[in-house]
Amino acid sequence: MLTYYLLYPVAWCLGKLPYKVQFLFSDLVRWVLYGVVRYRREVVRTNLRNSFPEKSEQERKQIERAFYKHLADVFIETLSLASVSEHQIRQRMKYLNLDDLMRWTGGRSWISAMAHYGSWEYTTNFDLYKTHDNALAVYRPLTNKGADRFYHRIRSRFGVIPIAMHDVGREMMRRKRENSHVTLALIADQTPGWPEIQNWTLFLGQWTPFFMGMEKLALKFHMPVVFLDVHKVRRGYYEARFDLIYDGDEAVDEGEITRRYAERLEQMIRTRPELWMWSHRRWKHSLENWLANHPHADKIAEQIYGNER
């Protein structure tokens, strides 16, 4: 727990500083990440090159530099959540079409389909707007217990309930029995582990595996899926619009909800590519290797490639 006791006081003090001073710390973090430790620069460059082959080297370099600046901002913004006020977070993260959201989801649980885009820790603070009984933020527990406790605390400051990935199914069953309607905030752009891969989607010009948990939950519990389209207004300030991609009742083919999410995410990334988390090893698994080890490879290959012909 040493990490927690060292990190939380520093984060609390940081959140009390004027925004301009926080930006100075962010600039320092950017310099360290990009210029000193060169944090995952080869991963970032490879991802950008494969995702935007149509762009020039200079254009990709500009995105790369802008990404590290934004990543440093997100790091400081996340730490500052230890002590920012409810008024401050409402000013920094605005939702533009809550009336549409309530029309789509009123009286039922729903999934907020999010991504590592913009300032994702800001965007989980749905409980500020009291749209449902509770907001549950799905997360993957960290191996460092101190860091895990820190993130749990900052995520729950404004009423959001953090819930580990492996507990989501049981929690939703309990909520259903109690007739309790929830917002399930789910960041769905992470890379599944090799044994968890079930679906491949063409994303940014590359065959990409996505977690199927969001889709399975939506179908099992008839939950609308609403994509969160985030826009960075200026440094430290964000807006988001809700975009319905599944109404909770439509009969869809397997993988369709996931495909819609990936399509909508790609549109958002292409608008402001520097706001996405390019340092993730998003394409560490290849479709070819997966098919080579799958018992029904021929059938699956026909389904995948046939759909693209």
C-alpha atoms as a PDB file:
ATOM      1  CA  MET A   1       0.000   0.000   0.000  1.00  0.00           C
ATOM      2  CA  LEU A   2       3.032   2.294   0.014  1.00  0.00           C
ATOM      3  CA  THR A   3       2.136   3.468  -3.504  1.00  0.00           C
ATOM      4  CA  TYR A   4      -1.261   4.660  -2.298  1.00  0.00           C
ATOM      5  CA  TYR A   5       0.066   6.568   0.712  1.00  0.00           C
ATOM      6  CA  LEU A   6       2.697   8.271  -1.424  1.00  0.00           C
ATOM      7  CA  LEU A   7       0.490   8.962  -4.433  1.00  0.00           C
ATOM      8  CA  TYR A   8      -2.752  10.179  -2.892  1.00  0.00           C
ATOM      9  CA  PRO A   9      -1.384  13.191  -0.940  1.00  0.00           C
ATOM     10  CA  VAL A  10       0.580  14.337  -3.992  1.00  0.00           C
ATOM     11  CA  ALA A  11      -2.489  13.961  -6.225  1.00  0.00           C
ATOM     12  CA  TRP A  12      -4.685  15.779  -3.701  1.00  0.00           C
ATOM     13  CA  CYS A  13      -2.306  18.737  -3.565  1.00  0.00           C
ATOM     14  CA  LEU A  14      -2.010  18.776  -7.354  1.00  0.00           C
ATOM     15  CA  GLY A  15      -5.786  18.999  -7.734  1.00  0.00           C
ATOM     16  CA  LYS A  16      -5.851  22.112  -5.539  1.00  0.00           C
ATOM     17  CA  LEU A  17      -3.402  24.009  -7.730  1.00  0.00           C
ATOM     18  CA  PRO A  18      -4.607  26.546 -10.332  1.00  0.00           C
ATOM     19  CA  TYR A  19      -5.107  25.024 -13.762  1.00  0.00           C
ATOM     20  CA  LYS A  20      -2.250  27.023 -15.271  1.00  0.00           C
ATOM     21  CA  VAL A  21       0.136  25.538 -12.716  1.00  0.00           C
ATOM     22  CA  GLN A  22      -1.180  22.045 -13.440  1.00  0.00           C
ATOM     23  CA  PHE A  23      -0.399  22.644 -17.114  1.00  0.00           C
ATOM     24  CA  LEU A  24       3.219  23.387 -16.185  1.00  0.00           C
ATOM     25  CA  PHE A  25       3.446  19.981 -14.510  1.00  0.00           C
ATOM     26  CA  SER A  26       1.830  18.451 -17.592  1.00  0.00           C
ATOM     27  CA  ASP A  27       4.466  20.040 -19.834  1.00  0.00           C
ATOM     28  CA  LEU A  28       7.162  18.565 -17.591  1.00  0.00           C
ATOM     29  CA  VAL A  29       5.569  15.110 -17.784  1.00  0.00           C
ATOM     30  CA  ARG A  30       5.379  15.377 -21.582  1.00  0.00           C
ATOM     31  CA  TRP A  31       9.079  16.252 -21.776  1.00  0.00           C
ATOM     32  CA  VAL A  32       9.988  13.263 -19.593  1.00  0.00           C
ATOM     33  CA  LEU A  33       7.749  10.811 -21.480  1.00  0.00           C
ATOM     34  CA  TYR A  34       8.678  11.937 -24.967  1.00  0.00           C
ATOM     35  CA  GLY A  35      12.181  13.316 -24.707  1.00  0.00           C
ATOM     36  CA  VAL A  36      13.788  11.457 -21.807  1.00  0.00           C
ATOM     37  CA  VAL A  37      12.371   7.966 -21.278  1.00  0.00           C
ATOM     38  CA  ARG A  38      10.897   7.852 -24.827  1.00  0.00           C
ATOM     39  CA  TYR A  39       7.873   5.989 -23.472  1.00  0.00           C
ATOM     40  CA  ARG A  40       6.768   3.378 -26.041  1.00  0.00           C
ATOM     41  CA  ARG A  41       7.697   5.605 -28.952  1.00  0.00           C
ATOM     42  CA  GLU A  42       8.258   2.681 -31.291  1.00  0.00           C
ATOM     43  CA  VAL A  43       4.848   1.241 -30.393  1.00  0.00           C
ATOM     44  CA  VAL A  44       3.219   4.613 -31.060  1.00  0.00           C
ATOM     45  CA  ARG A  45       5.021   5.073 -34.383  1.00  0.00           C
ATOM     46  CA  THR A  46       4.194   1.580 -35.582  1.00  0.00           C
ATOM     47  CA  ASN A  47       0.529   1.983 -34.649  1.00  0.00           C
ATOM     48  CA  LEU A  48       0.295   5.345 -36.404  1.00  0.00           C
ATOM     49  CA  ARG A  49       2.101   4.091 -39.506  1.00  0.00           C
ATOM     50  CA  ASN A  50      -0.178   1.055 -39.844  1.00  0.00           C
ATOM     51  CA  SER A  51      -3.345   3.017 -39.078  1.00  0.00           C
ATOM     52  CA  PHE A  52      -2.626   5.990 -41.350  1.00  0.00           C
ATOM     53  CA  PRO A  53      -0.568   4.737 -44.314  1.00  0.00           C
ATOM     54  CA  GLU A  54      -2.104   7.509 -46.426  1.00  0.00           C
ATOM     55  CA  LYS A  55      -0.532  10.228 -44.261  1.00  0.00           C
ATOM     56  CA  SER A  56       2.986  11.536 -44.758  1.00  0.00           C
ATOM     57  CA  GLU A  57       5.757  10.889 -42.254  1.00  0.00           C
ATOM     58  CA  GLN A  58       5.571  14.536 -41.219  1.00  0.00           C
ATOM     59  CA  GLU A  59       1.817  14.309 -40.567  1.00  0.00           C
ATOM     60  CA  ARG A  60       2.254  11.202 -38.434  1.00  0.00           C
ATOM     61  CA  LYS A  61       5.069  12.920 -36.545  1.00  0.00           C
ATOM     62  CA  GLN A  62       2.746  15.811 -35.733  1.00  0.00           C
ATOM     63  CA  ILE A  63       0.122  13.382 -34.408  1.00  0.00           C
ATOM     64  CA  GLU A  64       2.799  11.629 -32.357  1.00  0.00           C
ATOM     65  CA  ARG A  65       3.950  14.832 -30.661  1.00  0.00           C
ATOM     66  CA  ALA A  66       0.367  15.959 -30.056  1.00  0.00           C
ATOM     67  CA  PHE A  67      -0.448  12.548 -28.574  1.00  0.00           C
ATOM     68  CA  TYR A  68       2.305  12.766 -25.959  1.00  0.00           C
ATOM     69  CA  LYS A  69       1.185  16.266 -25.009  1.00  0.00           C
ATOM     70  CA  HIS A  70      -2.375  15.020 -24.576  1.00  0.00           C
ATOM     71  CA  LEU A  71      -1.244  11.908 -22.683  1.00  0.00           C
ATOM     72  CA  ALA A  72       0.572  14.114 -20.177  1.00  0.00           C
ATOM     73  CA  ASP A  73      -2.558  16.239 -19.789  1.00  0.00           C
ATOM     74  CA  VAL A  74      -4.646  13.130 -19.097  1.00  0.00           C
ATOM     75  CA  PHE A  75      -2.124  11.943 -16.507  1.00  0.00           C
ATOM     76  CA  ILE A  76      -2.344  15.229 -14.591  1.00  0.00           C
ATOM     77  CA  GLU A  77      -6.133  15.438 -15.027  1.00  0.00           C
ATOM     78  CA  THR A  78      -6.502  11.945 -13.595  1.00  0.00           C
ATOM     79  CA  LEU A  79      -4.353  12.706 -10.557  1.00  0.00           C
ATOM     80  CA  SER A  80      -6.249  15.945  -9.940  1.00  0.00           C
ATOM     81  CA  LEU A  81      -9.486  13.978  -9.518  1.00  0.00           C
ATOM     82  CA  ALA A  82      -8.293  13.272  -5.972  1.00  0.00           C
ATOM     83  CA  SER A  83      -9.451  16.730  -4.905  1.00  0.00           C
ATOM     84  CA  VAL A  84     -11.325  18.606  -7.659  1.00  0.00           C
ATOM     85  CA  SER A  85     -14.797  19.764  -6.669  1.00  0.00           C
ATOM     86  CA  GLU A  86     -18.071  18.644  -8.189  1.00  0.00           C
ATOM     87  CA  HIS A  87     -18.489  22.127  -9.653  1.00  0.00           C
ATOM     88  CA  GLN A  88     -15.064  21.931 -11.303  1.00  0.00           C
ATOM     89  CA  ILE A  89     -15.679  18.542 -12.892  1.00  0.00           C
ATOM     90  CA  ARG A  90     -19.039  19.743 -14.226  1.00  0.00           C
ATOM     91  CA  GLN A  91     -17.260  22.680 -15.857  1.00  0.00           C
ATOM     92  CA  ARG A  92     -14.517  20.537 -17.351  1.00  0.00           C
ATOM     93  CA  MET A  93     -16.680  17.656 -18.629  1.00  0.00           C
ATOM     94  CA  LYS A  94     -20.005  18.617 -20.220  1.00  0.00           C
ATOM     95  CA  TYR A  95     -22.608  16.312 -21.793  1.00  0.00           C
ATOM     96  CA  LEU A  96     -24.540  17.970 -24.596  1.00  0.00           C
ATOM     97  CA  ASN A  97     -27.606  15.824 -25.306  1.00  0.00           C
ATOM     98  CA  LEU A  98     -28.800  14.341 -22.034  1.00  0.00           C
ATOM     99  CA  ASP A  99     -32.412  14.710 -23.225  1.00  0.00           C
ATOM    100  CA  ASP A 100     -31.686  12.306 -26.096  1.00  0.00           C
ATOM    101  CA  LEU A 101     -30.027   9.910 -23.677  1.00  0.00           C
ATOM    102  CA  MET A 102     -33.049   9.861 -21.375  1.00  0.00           C
ATOM    103  CA  ARG A 103     -35.380   9.285 -24.316  1.00  0.00           C
ATOM    104  CA  TRP A 104     -33.334   6.267 -25.443  1.00  0.00           C
ATOM    105  CA  THR A 105     -32.709   4.763 -22.019  1.00  0.00           C
ATOM    106  CA  GLY A 106     -35.417   6.015 -19.658  1.00  0.00           C
ATOM    107  CA  GLY A 107     -36.623   3.279 -17.311  1.00  0.00           C
ATOM    108  CA  ARG A 108     -33.946   0.732 -18.178  1.00  0.00           C
ATOM    109  CA  SER A 109     -30.268   0.017 -17.643  1.00  0.00           C
ATOM    110  CA  TRP A 110     -27.889   1.024 -20.425  1.00  0.00           C
ATOM    111  CA  ILE A 111     -24.248   0.750 -21.465  1.00  0.00           C
ATOM    112  CA  SER A 112     -22.040   3.752 -22.092  1.00  0.00           C
ATOM    113  CA  ALA A 113     -19.600   2.511 -24.752  1.00  0.00           C
ATOM    114  CA  MET A 114     -16.420   4.430 -24.050  1.00  0.00           C
ATOM    115  CA  ALA A 115     -12.789   4.347 -25.152  1.00  0.00           C
ATOM    116  CA  HIS A 116      -9.313   5.455 -24.102  1.00  0.00           C
ATOM    117  CA  TYR A 117      -9.993   8.731 -25.864  1.00  0.00           C
ATOM    118  CA  GLY A 118     -10.082  12.248 -24.488  1.00  0.00           C
ATOM    119  CA  SER A 119      -9.895  12.215 -20.692  1.00  0.00           C
ATOM    120  CA  TRP A 120     -11.583   8.893 -19.952  1.00  0.00           C
ATOM    121  CA  GLU A 121     -11.448   9.222 -16.155  1.00  0.00           C
ATOM    122  CA  TYR A 122     -13.451  12.448 -16.482  1.00  0.00           C
ATOM    123  CA  THR A 123     -16.081  10.769 -18.638  1.00  0.00           C
ATOM    124  CA  THR A 124     -17.009   8.113 -16.061  1.00  0.00           C
ATOM    125  CA  ASN A 125     -18.552  10.673 -13.704  1.00  0.00           C
ATOM    126  CA  PHE A 126     -22.107  10.027 -14.893  1.00  0.00           C
ATOM    127  CA  ASP A 127     -23.541   9.991 -11.388  1.00  0.00           C
ATOM    128  CA  LEU A 128     -23.150  13.748 -11.299  1.00  0.00           C
ATOM    129  CA  TYR A 129     -26.111  13.898 -13.651  1.00  0.00           C
ATOM    130  CA  LYS A 130     -28.307  11.380 -11.777  1.00  0.00           C
ATOM    131  CA  THR A 131     -29.558   9.718 -14.947  1.00  0.00           C
ATOM    132  CA  HIS A 132     -30.141   6.362 -13.225  1.00  0.00           C
ATOM    133  CA  ASP A 133     -30.095   4.698  -9.802  1.00  0.00           C
ATOM    134  CA  ASN A 134     -26.336   4.135  -9.986  1.00  0.00           C
ATOM    135  CA  ALA A 135     -23.418   4.403 -12.367  1.00  0.00           C
ATOM    136  CA  LEU A 136     -21.080   1.402 -12.448  1.00  0.00           C
ATOM    137  CA  ALA A 137     -17.601   1.881 -13.917  1.00  0.00           C
ATOM    138  CA  VAL A 138     -16.113  -1.387 -15.156  1.00  0.00           C
ATOM    139  CA  TYR A 139     -12.368  -1.717 -14.619  1.00  0.00           C
ATOM    140  CA  ARG A 140      -9.580  -4.271 -14.758  1.00  0.00           C
ATOM    141  CA  PRO A 141      -7.957  -4.559 -11.287  1.00  0.00           C
ATOM    142  CA  LEU A 142      -4.303  -3.519 -11.192  1.00  0.00           C
ATOM    143  CA  THR A 143      -1.629  -5.849  -9.851  1.00  0.00           C
ATOM    144  CA  ASN A 144      -0.218  -3.025  -7.715  1.00  0.00           C
ATOM    145  CA  LYS A 145      -2.650  -2.921  -4.785  1.00  0.00           C
ATOM    146  CA  GLY A 146      -1.717   0.635  -3.854  1.00  0.00           C
ATOM    147  CA  ALA A 147      -2.345   1.972  -7.363  1.00  0.00           C
ATOM    148  CA  ASP A 148      -5.562  -0.049  -7.557  1.00  0.00           C
ATOM    149  CA  ARG A 149      -6.805   1.504  -4.303  1.00  0.00           C
ATOM    150  CA  PHE A 150      -5.931   4.991  -5.565  1.00  0.00           C
ATOM    151  CA  TYR A 151      -7.877   4.573  -8.795  1.00  0.00           C
ATOM    152  CA  HIS A 152     -10.806   3.022  -6.922  1.00  0.00           C
ATOM    153  CA  ARG A 153     -10.969   6.046  -4.638  1.00  0.00           C
ATOM    154  CA  ILE A 154     -10.815   8.742  -7.313  1.00  0.00           C
ATOM    155  CA  ARG A 155     -13.364   6.914  -9.470  1.00  0.00           C
ATOM    156  CA  SER A 156     -15.857   6.694  -6.628  1.00  0.00           C
ATOM    157  CA  ARG A 157     -15.620  10.286  -5.340  1.00  0.00           C
ATOM    158  CA  PHE A 158     -18.751  11.489  -7.143  1.00  0.00           C
ATOM    159  CA  GLY A 159     -20.939   8.443  -6.593  1.00  0.00           C
ATOM    160  CA  VAL A 160     -19.749   6.136  -9.362  1.00  0.00           C
ATOM    161  CA  ILE A 161     -19.322   2.526  -8.194  1.00  0.00           C
ATOM    162  CA  PRO A 162     -16.171   0.845  -9.602  1.00  0.00           C
ATOM    163  CA  ILE A 163     -16.739  -2.818 -10.414  1.00  0.00           C
ATOM    164  CA  ALA A 164     -14.146  -5.368 -11.526  1.00  0.00           C
ATOM    165  CA  MET A 165     -14.635  -6.966 -14.941  1.00  0.00           C
ATOM    166  CA  HIS A 166     -15.116 -10.460 -13.536  1.00  0.00           C
ATOM    167  CA  ASP A 167     -17.935  -9.271 -11.240  1.00  0.00           C
ATOM    168  CA  VAL A 168     -20.063  -7.479 -13.841  1.00  0.00           C
ATOM    169  CA  GLY A 169     -22.290 -10.417 -14.792  1.00  0.00           C
ATOM    170  CA  ARG A 170     -23.198 -11.251 -11.197  1.00  0.00           C
ATOM    171  CA  GLU A 171     -23.789  -7.597 -10.355  1.00  0.00           C
ATOM    172  CA  MET A 172     -26.129  -7.126 -13.317  1.00  0.00           C
ATOM    173  CA  MET A 173     -28.105 -10.227 -12.321  1.00  0.00           C
ATOM    174  CA  ARG A 174     -28.493  -8.807  -8.822  1.00  0.00           C
ATOM    175  CA  ARG A 175     -29.588  -5.430 -10.190  1.00  0.00           C
ATOM    176  CA  LYS A 176     -32.124  -7.120 -12.433  1.00  0.00           C
ATOM    177  CA  ARG A 177     -33.651  -9.015  -9.498  1.00  0.00           C
ATOM    178  CA  GLU A 178     -33.891  -5.772  -7.532  1.00  0.00           C
ATOM    179  CA  ASN A 179     -35.287  -3.877 -10.545  1.00  0.00           C
ATOM    180  CA  SER A 180     -32.462  -1.362 -10.155  1.00  0.00           C
ATOM    181  CA  HIS A 181     -31.545   0.555 -13.309  1.00  0.00           C
ATOM    182  CA  VAL A 182     -27.894   1.397 -13.828  1.00  0.00           C
ATOM    183  CA  THR A 183     -25.502   3.111 -16.169  1.00  0.00           C
ATOM    184  CA  LEU A 184     -22.691   0.687 -17.035  1.00  0.00           C
ATOM    185  CA  ALA A 185     -19.638   2.707 -18.101  1.00  0.00           C
ATOM    186  CA  LEU A 186     -17.457   0.363 -20.124  1.00  0.00           C
ATOM    187  CA  ILE A 187     -14.198   1.176 -21.907  1.00  0.00           C
ATOM    188  CA  ALA A 188     -14.346  -1.347 -24.721  1.00  0.00           C
ATOM    189  CA  ASP A 189     -11.262  -0.650 -26.858  1.00  0.00           C
ATOM    190  CA  GLN A 190      -8.788  -2.768 -24.892  1.00  0.00           C
ATOM    191  CA  THR A 191      -7.047  -5.818 -26.335  1.00  0.00           C
ATOM    192  CA  PRO A 192      -8.406  -9.178 -25.139  1.00  0.00           C
ATOM    193  CA  GLY A 193      -5.986 -11.858 -24.039  1.00  0.00           C
ATOM    194  CA  TRP A 194      -5.301 -14.668 -26.498  1.00  0.00           C
ATOM    195  CA  PRO A 195      -7.774 -17.150 -24.902  1.00  0.00           C
ATOM    196  CA  GLU A 196     -10.496 -14.460 -24.777  1.00  0.00           C
ATOM    197  CA  ILE A 197     -10.485 -13.623 -28.494  1.00  0.00           C
ATOM    198  CA  GLN A 198     -13.834 -14.427 -30.112  1.00  0.00           C
ATOM    199  CA  ASN A 199     -14.329 -11.684 -32.655  1.00  0.00           C
ATOM    200  CA  TRP A 200     -12.259  -9.845 -35.271  1.00  0.00           C
ATOM    201  CA  THR A 201     -13.318  -6.528 -36.766  1.00  0.00           C
ATOM    202  CA  LEU A 202     -11.718  -4.384 -39.452  1.00  0.00           C
ATOM    203  CA  PHE A 203     -10.619  -1.311 -37.512  1.00  0.00           C
ATOM    204  CA  LEU A 204      -8.324   1.445 -38.792  1.00  0.00           C
ATOM    205  CA  GLY A 205      -7.542  -0.765 -41.772  1.00  0.00           C
ATOM    206  CA  GLN A 206      -6.385  -3.697 -39.615  1.00  0.00           C
ATOM    207  CA  TRP A 207      -8.064  -6.868 -38.400  1.00  0.00           C
ATOM    208  CA  THR A 208      -8.507  -6.234 -34.705  1.00  0.00           C
ATOM    209  CA  PRO A 209      -9.856  -8.372 -31.833  1.00  0.00           C
ATOM    210  CA  PHE A 210     -12.372  -6.763 -29.485  1.00  0.00           C
ATOM    211  CA  PHE A 211     -13.813  -7.902 -26.190  1.00  0.00           C
ATOM    212  CA  MET A 212     -17.323  -9.303 -26.656  1.00  0.00           C
ATOM    213  CA  GLY A 213     -18.427  -8.577 -23.096  1.00  0.00           C
ATOM    214  CA  MET A 214     -20.241  -5.356 -23.962  1.00  0.00           C
ATOM    215  CA  GLU A 215     -22.248  -7.035 -26.696  1.00  0.00           C
ATOM    216  CA  LYS A 216     -23.094 -10.071 -24.561  1.00  0.00           C
ATOM    217  CA  LEU A 217     -24.305  -7.897 -21.694  1.00  0.00           C
ATOM    218  CA  ALA A 218     -26.407  -5.754 -24.027  1.00  0.00           C
ATOM    219  CA  LEU A 219     -28.114  -8.789 -25.555  1.00  0.00           C
ATOM    220  CA  LYS A 220     -28.591 -10.710 -22.307  1.00  0.00           C
ATOM    221  CA  PHE A 221     -30.083  -7.818 -20.341  1.00  0.00           C
ATOM    222  CA  HIS A 222     -31.660  -5.901 -23.273  1.00  0.00           C
ATOM    223  CA  MET A 223     -29.555  -2.841 -22.547  1.00  0.00           C
ATOM    224  CA  PRO A 224     -29.253   0.017 -25.045  1.00  0.00           C
ATOM    225  CA  VAL A 225     -25.657   0.725 -26.036  1.00  0.00           C
ATOM    226  CA  VAL A 226     -24.784   4.400 -26.351  1.00  0.00           C
ATOM    227  CA  PHE A 227     -21.455   5.489 -27.806  1.00  0.00           C
ATOM    228  CA  LEU A 228     -19.782   8.407 -26.046  1.00  0.00           C
ATOM    229  CA  ASP A 229     -18.401  10.813 -28.651  1.00  0.00           C
ATOM    230  CA  VAL A 230     -15.829  13.000 -26.886  1.00  0.00           C
ATOM    231  CA  HIS A 231     -14.489  16.343 -28.079  1.00  0.00           C
ATOM    232  CA  LYS A 232     -11.582  18.234 -26.508  1.00  0.00           C
ATOM    233  CA  VAL A 233     -12.704  21.857 -26.509  1.00  0.00           C
ATOM    234  CA  ARG A 234      -9.411  23.197 -25.197  1.00  0.00           C
ATOM    235  CA  ARG A 235      -6.741  22.072 -22.796  1.00  0.00           C
ATOM    236  CA  GLY A 236      -8.443  20.590 -19.725  1.00  0.00           C
ATOM    237  CA  TYR A 237     -12.009  20.971 -21.027  1.00  0.00           C
ATOM    238  CA  TYR A 238     -14.142  18.387 -22.820  1.00  0.00           C
ATOM    239  CA  GLU A 239     -17.612  17.909 -24.245  1.00  0.00           C
ATOM    240  CA  ALA A 240     -19.357  14.676 -25.134  1.00  0.00           C
ATOM    241  CA  ARG A 241     -22.387  13.660 -27.147  1.00  0.00           C
ATOM    242  CA  PHE A 242     -24.307  10.420 -26.814  1.00  0.00           C
ATOM    243  CA  ASP A 243     -24.885   8.365 -29.962  1.00  0.00           C
ATOM    244  CA  LEU A 244     -27.234   5.361 -29.860  1.00  0.00           C
ATOM    245  CA  ILE A 245     -25.740   2.301 -31.603  1.00  0.00           C
ATOM    246  CA  TYR A 246     -28.094  -0.380 -30.217  1.00  0.00           C
ATOM    247  CA  ASP A 247     -31.593   0.160 -28.809  1.00  0.00           C
ATOM    248  CA  GLY A 248     -31.713  -2.908 -26.565  1.00  0.00           C
ATOM    249  CA  ASP A 249     -34.386  -4.699 -28.602  1.00  0.00           C
ATOM    250  CA  GLU A 250     -33.150  -4.962 -32.198  1.00  0.00           C
ATOM    251  CA  ALA A 251     -32.378  -8.468 -33.467  1.00  0.00           C
ATOM    252  CA  VAL A 252     -28.754  -8.372 -34.623  1.00  0.00           C
ATOM    253  CA  ASP A 253     -26.190 -10.846 -35.929  1.00  0.00           C
ATOM    254  CA  GLU A 254     -23.357 -11.948 -33.672  1.00  0.00           C
ATOM    255  CA  GLY A 255     -20.635  -9.309 -33.624  1.00  0.00           C
ATOM    256  CA  GLU A 256     -22.834  -6.539 -35.039  1.00  0.00           C
ATOM    257  CA  ILE A 257     -22.900  -4.378 -31.898  1.00  0.00           C
ATOM    258  CA  THR A 258     -19.130  -4.725 -31.576  1.00  0.00           C
ATOM    259  CA  ARG A 259     -18.709  -3.807 -35.250  1.00  0.00           C
ATOM    260  CA  ARG A 260     -20.843  -0.677 -34.806  1.00  0.00           C
ATOM    261  CA  TYR A 261     -18.797   0.327 -31.794  1.00  0.00           C
ATOM    262  CA  ALA A 262     -15.526  -0.145 -33.705  1.00  0.00           C
ATOM    263  CA  GLU A 263     -16.873   1.806 -36.675  1.00  0.00           C
ATOM    264  CA  ARG A 264     -18.005   4.700 -34.495  1.00  0.00           C
ATOM    265  CA  LEU A 265     -14.714   4.682 -32.585  1.00  0.00           C
ATOM    266  CA  GLU A 266     -12.730   4.850 -35.813  1.00  0.00           C
ATOM    267  CA  GLN A 267     -14.766   7.851 -36.971  1.00  0.00           C
ATOM    268  CA  MET A 268     -13.997   9.647 -33.718  1.00  0.00           C
ATOM    269  CA  ILE A 269     -10.292   8.781 -33.845  1.00  0.00           C
ATOM    270  CA  ARG A 270      -9.930  10.033 -37.407  1.00  0.00           C
ATOM    271  CA  THR A 271     -11.394  13.374 -36.328  1.00  0.00           C
ATOM    272  CA  ARG A 272      -8.735  13.965 -33.638  1.00  0.00           C
ATOM    273  CA  PRO A 273      -6.251  11.051 -33.731  1.00  0.00           C
ATOM    274  CA  GLU A 274      -3.960  12.495 -31.063  1.00  0.00           C
ATOM    275  CA  LEU A 275      -6.646  11.993 -28.401  1.00  0.00           C
ATOM    276  CA  TRP A 276      -6.564   8.177 -28.555  1.00  0.00           C
ATOM    277  CA  MET A 277      -4.199   5.933 -26.561  1.00  0.00           C
ATOM    278  CA  TRP A 278      -1.651   5.019 -29.247  1.00  0.00           C
ATOM    279  CA  SER A 279       0.824   3.633 -26.709  1.00  0.00           C
ATOM    280  CA  HIS A 280      -1.323   0.540 -26.148  1.00  0.00           C
ATOM    281  CA  ARG A 281      -0.115  -2.588 -27.959  1.00  0.00           C
ATOM    282  CA  ARG A 282      -3.500  -2.799 -29.643  1.00  0.00           C
ATOM    283  CA  TRP A 283      -2.409  -5.062 -32.494  1.00  0.00           C
ATOM    284  CA  LYS A 284      -0.114  -7.485 -30.682  1.00  0.00           C
ATOM    285  CA  HIS A 285      -2.314 -10.385 -31.845  1.00  0.00           C
ATOM    286  CA  SER A 286      -2.631 -11.135 -35.565  1.00  0.00           C
ATOM    287  CA  LEU A 287      -5.599 -12.716 -37.281  1.00  0.00           C
ATOM    288  CA  GLU A 288      -3.302 -15.042 -39.233  1.00  0.00           C
ATOM    289  CA  ASN A 289      -1.735 -16.484 -36.073  1.00  0.00           C
ATOM    290  CA  TRP A 290      -5.124 -16.845 -34.446  1.00  0.00           C
ATOM    291  CA  LEU A 291      -6.580 -18.698 -37.425  1.00  0.00           C
ATOM    292  CA  ALA A 292      -3.522 -20.952 -37.563  1.00  0.00           C
ATOM    293  CA  ASN A 293      -4.330 -22.143 -34.045  1.00  0.00           C
ATOM    294  CA  HIS A 294      -8.118 -22.265 -34.246  1.00  0.00           C
ATOM    295  CA  PRO A 295      -9.857 -25.644 -34.752  1.00  0.00           C
ATOM    296  CA  HIS A 296     -12.472 -24.155 -37.090  1.00  0.00           C
ATOM    297  CA  ALA A 297     -10.158 -21.829 -38.987  1.00  0.00           C
ATOM    298  CA  ASP A 298     -11.543 -22.475 -42.487  1.00  0.00           C
ATOM    299  CA  LYS A 299     -15.124 -21.735 -41.504  1.00  0.00           C
ATOM    300  CA  ILE A 300     -14.187 -18.635 -39.535  1.00  0.00           C
ATOM    301  CA  ALA A 301     -11.895 -17.336 -42.295  1.00  0.00           C
ATOM    302  CA  GLU A 302     -14.752 -17.657 -44.778  1.00  0.00           C
ATOM    303  CA  GLN A 303     -17.053 -15.731 -42.441  1.00  0.00           C
ATOM    304  CA  ILE A 304     -14.500 -12.975 -41.880  1.00  0.00           C
ATOM    305  CA  TYR A 305     -13.099 -12.515 -45.347  1.00  0.00           C
ATOM    306  CA  GLY A 306     -16.394 -13.310 -47.035  1.00  0.00           C
ATOM    307  CA  ASN A 307     -18.043 -10.401 -45.252  1.00  0.00           C
ATOM    308  CA  GLU A 308     -15.438  -8.037 -46.665  1.00  0.00           C
ATOM    309  CA  ARG A 309     -15.668  -9.117 -50.260  1.00  0.00           C
END
